[in-house]
Amino acid sequence: MASAISFVYVSAAGTITLLKFINTIFVISLMIFLAGSVMLIIQNGIFNKLLNSIKSFFSSFDKINRMADQIERKIAKTTPYVAESLYTMPILISGVILLILSIFVSIFL
């Protein structure tokens, strides 16, 4: 798919050269790899502790609610944010394969 997109982009830009085609495939594969990496980071729940810290920091300013929670002996439990996607690993793997392929082609040509 990345090669088809890069072919359409290069052909629309004017003359088609192998260098433009490889550069376009590299940029598209880098974007695919970055999108897969962000999806993997979100899926693993890296930001859950950060969000819990921010919530507890801002709730520490609200004295009335904090005293009410202490009187009622409430323990603040937060549910972790979980984002599951079946497309994370295929996107990540295809981005890595295209990235490595475009690097090897650009080195050896």
Protein backbone atom coordinates (compact mmCIF):
# COMPACT_ATOMS: atom_id res chain seq x y z
CA MET A 1 0.00 0.00 0.00
CA ALA A 2 2.85 2.36 0.82
CA SER A 3 4.45 1.68 -2.54
CA ALA A 4 1.16 2.46 -4.32
CA ILE A 5 0.77 5.72 -2.40
CA SER A 6 4.36 6.69 -3.11
CA PHE A 7 3.96 5.86 -6.81
CA VAL A 8 0.86 8.07 -7.05
CA TYR A 9 2.62 10.89 -5.19
CA VAL A 10 5.78 10.68 -7.29
CA SER A 11 3.86 10.45 -10.57
CA ALA A 12 1.75 13.47 -9.61
CA ALA A 13 4.88 15.45 -8.77
CA GLY A 14 6.27 15.16 -12.29
CA THR A 15 9.00 12.89 -13.50
CA ILE A 16 9.30 9.49 -11.85
CA THR A 17 12.77 8.63 -10.64
CA LEU A 18 13.90 5.76 -8.48
CA LEU A 19 15.35 8.15 -5.89
CA LYS A 20 12.04 10.01 -5.45
CA PHE A 21 10.19 6.70 -5.23
CA ILE A 22 12.53 5.32 -2.52
CA ASN A 23 12.46 8.58 -0.56
CA THR A 24 8.67 8.64 -0.61
CA ILE A 25 8.46 5.00 0.51
CA PHE A 26 10.87 5.82 3.35
CA VAL A 27 8.77 8.75 4.57
CA ILE A 28 5.51 6.82 4.36
CA SER A 29 7.01 3.80 6.15
CA LEU A 30 8.37 6.10 8.85
CA MET A 31 4.88 7.53 9.39
CA ILE A 32 3.40 4.02 9.56
CA PHE A 33 6.08 2.96 12.05
CA LEU A 34 5.47 6.03 14.25
CA ALA A 35 1.70 5.47 14.19
CA GLY A 36 2.20 1.84 15.24
CA SER A 37 4.60 2.87 17.99
CA VAL A 38 2.14 5.40 19.41
CA MET A 39 -0.62 2.80 19.30
CA LEU A 40 1.60 0.30 21.15
CA ILE A 41 2.50 2.85 23.84
CA ILE A 42 -1.14 3.73 24.43
CA GLN A 43 -2.16 0.07 24.40
CA ASN A 44 0.39 -0.83 27.09
CA GLY A 45 -0.99 1.83 29.44
CA ILE A 46 2.13 3.94 29.88
CA PHE A 47 0.09 7.05 30.56
CA ASN A 48 -2.15 5.56 33.29
CA LYS A 49 0.21 6.44 36.15
CA LEU A 50 0.70 9.93 34.76
CA LEU A 51 -3.05 10.51 34.57
CA ASN A 52 -3.53 9.19 38.12
CA SER A 53 -0.82 11.53 39.40
CA ILE A 54 -2.42 14.50 37.70
CA LYS A 55 -5.85 13.61 39.14
CA SER A 56 -4.47 13.26 42.66
CA PHE A 57 -2.54 16.52 42.33
CA PHE A 58 -5.59 18.52 41.32
CA SER A 59 -7.83 16.80 43.86
CA SER A 60 -5.40 17.81 46.63
CA PHE A 61 -6.45 21.45 46.11
CA ASP A 62 -10.10 20.67 46.84
CA LYS A 63 -10.07 20.59 50.67
CA ILE A 64 -13.80 20.01 51.13
CA ASN A 65 -13.88 16.88 49.01
CA ARG A 66 -10.63 15.64 50.56
CA MET A 67 -12.06 15.99 54.08
CA ALA A 68 -15.30 14.31 53.00
CA ASP A 69 -13.30 11.42 51.58
CA GLN A 70 -11.32 11.13 54.81
CA ILE A 71 -14.49 11.11 56.92
CA GLU A 72 -16.13 8.51 54.69
CA ARG A 73 -12.83 6.61 54.45
CA LYS A 74 -13.00 6.49 50.71
CA ILE A 75 -10.05 5.18 48.79
CA ALA A 76 -9.72 6.66 45.37
CA LYS A 77 -9.65 3.82 42.90
CA THR A 78 -9.22 4.60 39.28
CA THR A 79 -9.78 2.26 36.43
CA PRO A 80 -6.89 2.10 34.02
CA TYR A 81 -7.45 3.25 30.48
CA VAL A 82 -7.07 0.28 28.18
CA ALA A 83 -7.14 0.64 24.42
CA GLU A 84 -7.00 -2.67 22.62
CA SER A 85 -6.51 -2.83 18.89
CA LEU A 86 -5.90 -5.77 16.61
CA TYR A 87 -4.12 -3.55 14.12
CA THR A 88 -1.27 -2.39 16.34
CA MET A 89 1.25 -5.13 15.67
CA PRO A 90 0.55 -5.45 11.90
CA ILE A 91 0.96 -1.70 11.48
CA LEU A 92 4.15 -1.70 13.53
CA ILE A 93 5.63 -4.70 11.72
CA SER A 94 4.75 -3.40 8.24
CA GLY A 95 6.27 -0.03 9.08
CA VAL A 96 9.50 -1.66 10.28
CA ILE A 97 9.72 -3.93 7.23
CA LEU A 98 9.15 -1.08 4.79
CA LEU A 99 11.59 1.11 6.67
CA ILE A 100 14.35 -1.53 6.60
CA LEU A 101 13.61 -2.37 2.97
CA SER A 102 13.82 1.26 1.87
CA ILE A 103 17.05 1.76 3.80
CA PHE A 104 18.68 -1.30 2.21
CA VAL A 105 17.50 -0.34 -1.26
CA SER A 106 18.84 3.19 -0.88
CA ILE A 107 22.20 1.90 0.38
CA PHE A 108 22.76 -0.68 -2.31
CA LEU A 109 21.52 1.34 -5.31
